[in-house]
Protein backbone atom coordinates (compact mmCIF):
# COMPACT_ATOMS: atom_id res chain seq x y z
CA MET A 1 0.00 0.00 0.00
CA PHE A 2 2.72 2.45 0.90
CA SER A 3 5.55 3.55 -1.35
CA CYS A 4 8.86 4.66 0.14
CA PHE A 5 10.04 6.55 -2.94
CA LEU A 6 10.51 10.31 -2.82
CA PRO A 7 8.01 11.92 -5.20
CA LYS A 8 9.04 14.51 -7.75
CA LEU A 9 8.42 17.74 -5.85
CA GLN A 10 8.19 21.01 -7.69
CA LYS A 11 11.18 23.31 -7.96
CA PHE A 12 10.60 26.79 -6.63
CA THR A 13 12.04 29.38 -9.00
CA GLY A 14 11.26 32.54 -7.08
CA SER A 15 13.73 34.87 -5.43
CA ILE A 16 13.65 33.33 -1.95
CA LEU A 17 17.11 32.05 -1.17
CA CYS A 18 16.89 29.88 1.94
CA PHE A 19 13.49 28.61 3.01
CA PHE A 20 10.17 30.22 3.73
CA LEU A 21 7.44 28.98 5.98
CA SER A 22 4.19 30.71 5.17
CA ILE A 23 2.14 31.86 8.11
CA ALA A 24 -1.65 31.90 8.28
CA VAL A 25 -2.52 33.56 4.98
CA LEU A 26 -6.02 34.74 4.21
CA LEU A 27 -6.73 32.55 1.21
CA LEU A 28 -10.12 34.08 0.61
CA PHE A 29 -11.24 37.59 1.34
CA PRO A 30 -14.76 39.00 1.16
CA ASN A 31 -15.03 42.30 -0.70
CA LEU A 32 -17.57 43.91 1.56
CA THR A 33 -17.82 47.40 0.07
CA GLY A 34 -21.38 48.46 -0.47
CA CYS A 35 -21.99 49.61 -4.05
CA GLY A 36 -22.56 53.18 -2.91
CA GLN A 37 -25.13 52.23 -0.29
CA ASN A 38 -24.79 52.71 3.44
CA MET A 39 -25.10 49.15 4.70
CA ALA A 40 -24.35 49.06 8.42
CA LYS A 41 -21.86 46.34 9.19
CA GLU A 42 -19.59 45.47 12.07
CA THR A 43 -16.64 43.10 12.22
CA ARG A 44 -14.86 41.43 15.11
CA THR A 45 -11.63 39.48 14.88
CA GLY A 46 -9.82 37.04 17.13
CA PHE A 47 -7.00 34.51 17.07
CA TYR A 48 -8.27 30.96 17.39
CA LEU A 49 -7.64 27.66 15.64
CA ASN A 50 -4.08 28.85 15.00
CA THR A 51 -5.30 31.58 12.65
CA VAL A 52 -7.01 34.96 12.54
CA ILE A 53 -10.78 34.62 12.35
CA SER A 54 -13.33 37.33 11.61
CA ILE A 55 -17.09 37.64 11.89
CA THR A 56 -18.89 40.37 9.92
CA LEU A 57 -22.55 41.06 10.63
CA TYR A 58 -24.85 43.37 8.66
CA GLY A 59 -27.74 45.27 10.13
CA THR A 60 -27.18 44.31 13.77
CA GLY A 61 -25.03 45.73 16.53
CA ARG A 62 -25.63 42.88 18.94
CA GLU A 63 -22.30 42.47 20.67
CA GLU A 64 -23.44 39.23 22.30
CA LEU A 65 -23.48 37.54 18.88
CA PHE A 66 -19.81 38.35 18.28
CA GLU A 67 -19.00 37.16 21.78
CA GLY A 68 -20.96 33.98 21.18
CA CYS A 69 -19.02 33.20 17.99
CA MET A 70 -15.66 33.78 19.67
CA GLU A 71 -16.69 31.62 22.62
CA MET A 72 -17.64 28.87 20.17
CA ALA A 73 -14.24 29.12 18.48
CA ASP A 74 -12.48 28.85 21.83
CA SER A 75 -14.66 25.97 23.00
CA TYR A 76 -14.23 23.93 19.81
CA GLU A 77 -10.49 24.59 19.76
CA HIS A 78 -10.19 23.13 23.25
CA MET A 79 -12.35 20.19 22.19
CA LEU A 80 -10.84 19.29 18.79
CA SER A 81 -7.20 20.38 18.88
CA ARG A 82 -4.55 17.69 18.58
CA THR A 83 -2.04 19.71 20.61
CA ILE A 84 -4.09 21.17 23.49
CA GLU A 85 -3.78 18.91 26.52
CA GLY A 86 -7.16 17.74 27.75
CA SER A 87 -9.01 18.15 24.46
CA ASP A 88 -11.08 15.21 23.24
CA VAL A 89 -8.60 14.53 20.45
CA TRP A 90 -5.60 14.85 22.78
CA ASN A 91 -7.24 12.45 25.23
CA ILE A 92 -7.89 9.87 22.49
CA ASN A 93 -4.32 10.13 21.19
CA HIS A 94 -2.87 9.67 24.68
CA SER A 95 -5.22 6.95 25.88
CA GLY A 96 -2.93 4.02 25.06
CA GLY A 97 -5.73 2.40 23.09
CA MET A 98 -8.32 2.67 25.88
CA PRO A 99 -11.86 3.98 25.20
CA VAL A 100 -12.36 7.73 25.68
CA THR A 101 -15.72 9.43 26.20
CA VAL A 102 -16.03 12.50 23.96
CA HIS A 103 -18.48 15.32 23.33
CA ASP A 104 -21.29 14.83 20.82
CA GLU A 105 -19.62 17.30 18.45
CA THR A 106 -16.33 15.38 18.47
CA ARG A 107 -18.18 12.15 17.73
CA ASP A 108 -20.11 13.79 14.89
CA LEU A 109 -17.00 15.32 13.34
CA LEU A 110 -15.11 12.03 13.59
CA ASN A 111 -17.95 10.32 11.72
CA ILE A 112 -17.78 12.99 8.99
CA ALA A 113 -14.00 12.58 8.76
CA LEU A 114 -14.38 8.80 8.52
CA SER A 115 -16.95 9.15 5.74
CA TYR A 116 -14.45 11.15 3.68
CA ALA A 117 -11.68 8.70 4.51
CA GLU A 118 -13.90 5.91 3.21
CA MET A 119 -14.84 7.90 0.09
CA SER A 120 -11.20 8.69 -0.67
CA GLU A 121 -9.95 5.20 0.20
CA GLY A 122 -7.65 6.75 2.77
CA LEU A 123 -6.23 9.61 0.68
CA VAL A 124 -7.62 11.86 3.40
CA ASP A 125 -7.36 10.16 6.78
CA PRO A 126 -8.09 11.42 10.31
CA THR A 127 -5.30 9.22 11.69
CA ILE A 128 -2.66 11.17 9.79
CA GLY A 129 -1.46 12.70 13.08
CA THR A 130 1.66 10.55 13.37
CA LEU A 131 2.74 11.77 9.94
CA SER A 132 1.69 15.42 10.22
CA SER A 133 3.38 15.79 13.61
CA LEU A 134 6.54 14.28 12.15
CA TRP A 135 6.78 16.97 9.48
CA ASN A 136 5.72 19.77 11.81
CA PHE A 137 5.35 22.87 9.67
CA GLY A 138 5.03 24.99 12.80
CA GLU A 139 7.57 27.33 14.31
CA ASP A 140 9.28 24.66 16.39
CA ASP A 141 10.70 22.71 13.47
CA GLN A 142 10.99 24.92 10.43
CA GLY A 143 12.53 23.46 7.34
CA THR A 144 13.08 19.89 8.50
CA VAL A 145 12.59 16.97 6.10
CA PRO A 146 12.03 13.76 8.10
CA SER A 147 14.12 10.70 7.39
CA GLU A 148 12.65 8.06 5.11
CA ASP A 149 12.68 5.51 7.95
CA ALA A 150 10.74 7.89 10.20
CA ILE A 151 8.16 8.48 7.46
CA ILE A 152 7.70 4.75 6.86
CA GLU A 153 7.23 4.17 10.59
CA ALA A 154 4.70 7.01 10.85
CA LEU A 155 2.76 5.70 7.84
CA SER A 156 2.41 2.30 9.48
CA HIS A 157 0.08 3.95 12.01
CA VAL A 158 -2.07 5.83 9.46
CA ASN A 159 -5.25 3.80 8.97
CA TYR A 160 -8.69 5.27 9.59
CA ARG A 161 -10.09 1.77 10.18
CA ASN A 162 -8.32 1.82 13.55
CA ILE A 163 -10.89 4.32 14.86
CA MET A 164 -13.79 2.64 16.67
CA ILE A 165 -16.83 4.69 17.71
CA GLU A 166 -19.48 3.22 19.99
CA GLY A 167 -21.92 5.85 21.19
CA ASN A 168 -19.74 8.62 22.60
CA GLN A 169 -16.77 6.35 23.24
CA VAL A 170 -13.85 6.46 20.83
CA THR A 171 -11.06 3.86 20.78
CA LEU A 172 -7.88 3.72 18.73
CA LYS A 173 -7.18 0.06 17.97
CA ASP A 174 -3.58 1.08 17.25
CA PRO A 175 -2.34 2.81 20.44
CA GLN A 176 0.39 4.59 18.45
CA ALA A 177 -2.04 6.10 15.96
CA MET A 178 -2.86 9.81 16.29
CA ILE A 179 -5.99 11.61 15.19
CA ASP A 180 -5.64 14.97 13.43
CA LEU A 181 -8.90 16.62 12.32
CA GLY A 182 -7.22 19.61 10.68
CA PHE A 183 -8.74 18.79 7.27
CA VAL A 184 -12.34 19.17 8.53
CA ALA A 185 -12.34 21.06 11.84
CA LYS A 186 -12.54 24.68 10.66
CA GLY A 187 -15.30 23.87 8.23
CA TYR A 188 -17.31 22.12 10.92
CA ILE A 189 -16.88 25.05 13.31
CA ALA A 190 -17.91 27.55 10.61
CA ASP A 191 -21.09 25.54 10.00
CA ARG A 192 -21.92 25.57 13.72
CA MET A 193 -21.38 29.35 13.83
CA LYS A 194 -23.72 29.81 10.88
CA GLU A 195 -26.41 27.76 12.64
CA TYR A 196 -25.97 29.87 15.78
CA LEU A 197 -26.27 33.18 13.92
CA ILE A 198 -29.29 32.09 11.88
CA ALA A 199 -30.99 30.92 15.08
CA ASN A 200 -30.46 34.47 16.33
CA ASN A 201 -32.16 35.98 13.27
CA VAL A 202 -29.02 37.09 11.42
CA LYS A 203 -29.88 37.43 7.72
CA SER A 204 -26.59 38.75 6.29
CA ALA A 205 -23.10 37.84 7.50
CA VAL A 206 -19.66 36.58 6.55
CA ILE A 207 -17.79 34.05 8.70
CA ASN A 208 -14.08 33.81 7.87
CA LEU A 209 -12.03 31.24 9.73
CA GLY A 210 -8.60 31.87 8.29
CA GLY A 211 -9.70 31.34 4.69
CA ASN A 212 -12.75 29.16 5.28
CA VAL A 213 -15.38 31.66 4.16
CA LEU A 214 -19.04 30.96 4.85
CA THR A 215 -21.76 33.46 4.00
CA ILE A 216 -25.23 33.89 5.42
CA GLY A 217 -27.49 35.18 2.65
CA GLY A 218 -26.09 38.01 0.57
CA ARG A 219 -25.70 41.71 1.15
CA PRO A 220 -28.66 43.61 2.60
CA ASP A 221 -29.26 45.13 -0.85
CA HIS A 222 -29.84 41.55 -2.12
CA THR A 223 -26.63 41.45 -4.18
CA PRO A 224 -24.12 38.62 -3.67
CA PHE A 225 -20.93 39.00 -1.68
CA LYS A 226 -17.74 39.27 -3.74
CA VAL A 227 -15.13 36.75 -2.62
CA GLY A 228 -11.62 36.68 -4.03
CA ILE A 229 -9.60 33.48 -4.41
CA GLN A 230 -6.01 34.05 -3.30
CA LYS A 231 -3.40 33.93 -6.06
CA PRO A 232 -0.81 31.31 -5.05
CA PHE A 233 2.51 32.71 -3.80
CA ALA A 234 1.34 36.31 -4.33
CA ASP A 235 0.94 38.87 -1.57
CA ALA A 236 -1.97 38.12 0.74
CA GLY A 237 -5.13 39.69 -0.64
CA THR A 238 -4.07 39.33 -4.30
CA SER A 239 -6.95 37.57 -6.01
CA ILE A 240 -6.66 35.35 -9.05
CA LEU A 241 -10.44 35.15 -9.44
CA ILE A 242 -13.44 36.88 -7.84
CA LEU A 243 -16.70 35.02 -7.36
CA ASP A 244 -20.25 36.06 -6.50
CA VAL A 245 -21.28 34.19 -3.37
CA GLN A 246 -24.64 33.99 -1.64
CA ASP A 247 -25.40 31.60 1.22
CA ARG A 248 -22.45 29.39 0.26
CA SER A 249 -19.10 28.25 1.59
CA LEU A 250 -15.73 28.71 -0.10
CA VAL A 251 -12.72 26.78 1.15
CA SER A 252 -9.24 26.71 -0.39
CA SER A 253 -6.34 24.31 0.02
CA GLY A 254 -2.97 24.92 -1.58
CA ASN A 255 0.75 24.36 -1.48
CA TYR A 256 1.26 28.08 -0.72
CA GLU A 257 -0.48 28.00 2.66
CA ARG A 258 2.27 26.46 4.80
CA PHE A 259 5.55 25.39 3.26
CA PHE A 260 9.30 25.58 3.42
CA LEU A 261 12.12 25.31 0.89
CA LYS A 262 15.03 22.91 1.17
CA GLU A 263 17.67 22.84 -1.56
CA ASP A 264 15.23 24.63 -3.90
CA VAL A 265 12.52 22.01 -3.36
CA LEU A 266 9.17 23.16 -2.00
CA TYR A 267 7.70 21.06 0.80
CA HIS A 268 4.09 21.90 1.72
CA HIS A 269 1.69 20.72 4.39
CA ILE A 270 -0.78 18.67 2.32
CA LEU A 271 0.67 15.22 2.83
CA SER A 272 0.06 12.08 0.80
CA THR A 273 -0.91 8.99 2.78
CA SER A 274 0.57 6.90 -0.04
CA ASP A 275 4.21 7.83 0.53
CA GLY A 276 4.20 10.31 3.41
CA TYR A 277 5.57 13.25 1.43
CA PRO A 278 3.80 16.43 0.29
CA ALA A 279 1.28 15.57 -2.43
CA ASP A 280 2.59 16.22 -5.94
CA SER A 281 -0.51 16.60 -8.11
CA GLY A 282 0.40 19.39 -10.51
CA LEU A 283 -1.80 21.85 -8.62
CA SER A 284 -1.08 24.94 -6.54
CA GLY A 285 -4.59 25.32 -5.16
CA VAL A 286 -8.16 24.07 -5.08
CA THR A 287 -11.21 26.04 -3.98
CA ILE A 288 -14.48 24.27 -3.24
CA ILE A 289 -17.85 26.06 -3.36
CA SER A 290 -20.49 24.16 -1.39
CA GLU A 291 -23.36 24.57 1.04
CA ARG A 292 -21.56 23.10 4.06
CA SER A 293 -18.12 24.37 4.94
CA VAL A 294 -17.07 21.01 6.39
CA ASP A 295 -17.58 19.45 2.95
CA GLY A 296 -15.52 22.19 1.33
CA ASP A 297 -12.78 21.61 3.88
CA ALA A 298 -12.52 17.88 3.19
CA LEU A 299 -13.03 18.11 -0.57
CA SER A 300 -10.44 20.86 -1.11
CA THR A 301 -7.77 18.65 0.46
CA TYR A 302 -8.99 15.52 -1.30
CA CYS A 303 -9.13 17.19 -4.73
CA PHE A 304 -5.70 18.77 -4.28
CA ILE A 305 -4.25 15.30 -3.68
CA LEU A 306 -6.18 13.81 -6.63
CA GLY A 307 -5.05 16.45 -9.15
CA TYR A 308 -7.16 18.16 -11.79
CA GLU A 309 -8.48 15.29 -13.93
CA LYS A 310 -9.52 12.98 -11.09
CA GLY A 311 -10.60 15.92 -8.93
CA LYS A 312 -12.85 17.29 -11.67
CA LYS A 313 -14.40 13.85 -12.16
CA LEU A 314 -15.15 13.67 -8.43
CA ILE A 315 -16.72 17.14 -8.31
CA ASP A 316 -18.83 16.39 -11.40
CA SER A 317 -20.26 13.39 -9.53
CA LEU A 318 -21.42 15.46 -6.54
CA GLN A 319 -24.62 17.47 -6.30
CA GLY A 320 -24.41 21.14 -5.35
CA VAL A 321 -20.60 21.34 -5.31
CA GLU A 322 -18.34 23.35 -7.61
CA ALA A 323 -14.57 23.76 -7.74
CA VAL A 324 -11.82 26.03 -9.01
CA PHE A 325 -8.47 24.35 -9.71
CA ILE A 326 -5.24 26.35 -10.05
CA SER A 327 -2.37 24.56 -11.76
CA GLU A 328 1.28 24.98 -10.81
CA ASP A 329 1.76 27.36 -13.76
CA GLY A 330 -1.08 29.57 -12.50
CA THR A 331 -3.73 28.47 -14.98
CA VAL A 332 -7.29 28.66 -13.59
CA LEU A 333 -9.22 25.51 -14.48
C-alpha cells in the first residue's frame, strides 16, 4: 500500500534564497464594500484555531453575537485540537488504546472525517497525526525533512479503520495512531457558527475562519458577496479570481499556505498517505464552493491530492458542489 520513494516535488524558482514557511494567509477575502449604499456592518476578529478569524454582521449591533461566535471558536479549539492537553482529540491520542468518552460534536465530526476517509480510500485520513506531527510545519521545526525511515514508521500507524466509535466512546485500535482533524475542523466550526447566527435571526453575515469563508445570505441590498480566491505565492489579498457568493461556503487548500524550501525544493503541508511526502498533483490550489463548509474543507484537500483530472471527475459526480483548480503554472481551471 505504501511507497517509500521520494516523489518529484516542484522546484521553486522565485527569489527566496533559503526557506520560507508561510504563516496563516487569508486565502479568501470578502469584498464587503457596499456599491454606494450605506449598509451598516460590524466586524470582530480574534485569534483561534491557530489563525485569525473574523465575523462580519450586517444590520445588527448585537455584541453578544460576536462574543458567542468567539466563545464557540475557543470551546471547539479546546475540544478538537490535537495539541491542546485535555481536548477530546488529545485524550484519544494519549489513551494508550483505551476507550475515551467524547463530546457529541467530536463524535459527529469524527464520523464525517471517517466518511471522507472511506470515500477517498484513505487519501484523506483522520489518523494522519503521526505523519503530520513528524513533518511539523510549525515554528518549532521549520525546514526539517524527516528521514525516510521515520516516514515509513509514521505511515504504518495511518489507517482510519483503527478508529472505533461506539456511542460517545472512541477507541484507537492502534495505540500509536494519532488523530488529526485539521482537514475538517474549521469547516465544521464555521457551519456551527452559521447555525448559531441564523438561530439568532441574522440574515446577512460573513464568517471567515482563516480562509474558510461561509456566508449567510447576501448583502442587505440583495446582491451577492464578492469573494476573491487568493493567487498562489502572491501577496496576501491578491486575487486570481473573484466570485459572486450567496449563502455558500468557499474553502481553499494549496501548497502556498504552509511550506518551506530545502535545496530549492518546496515542501508543503498537504501530505500524501501513499508515501508520506507532500502531495505532488500538478496543482497549486483548489477552492471548493459548497453549502456546508465542512464538505468544502474535506473536498479541497482531497481534490488537491487527486489532481485536476480525477478531482474534476469527483466534483462532477457530486450534487451542489463546484470547484476552481489552479495549476502549478497559474492556470485557472
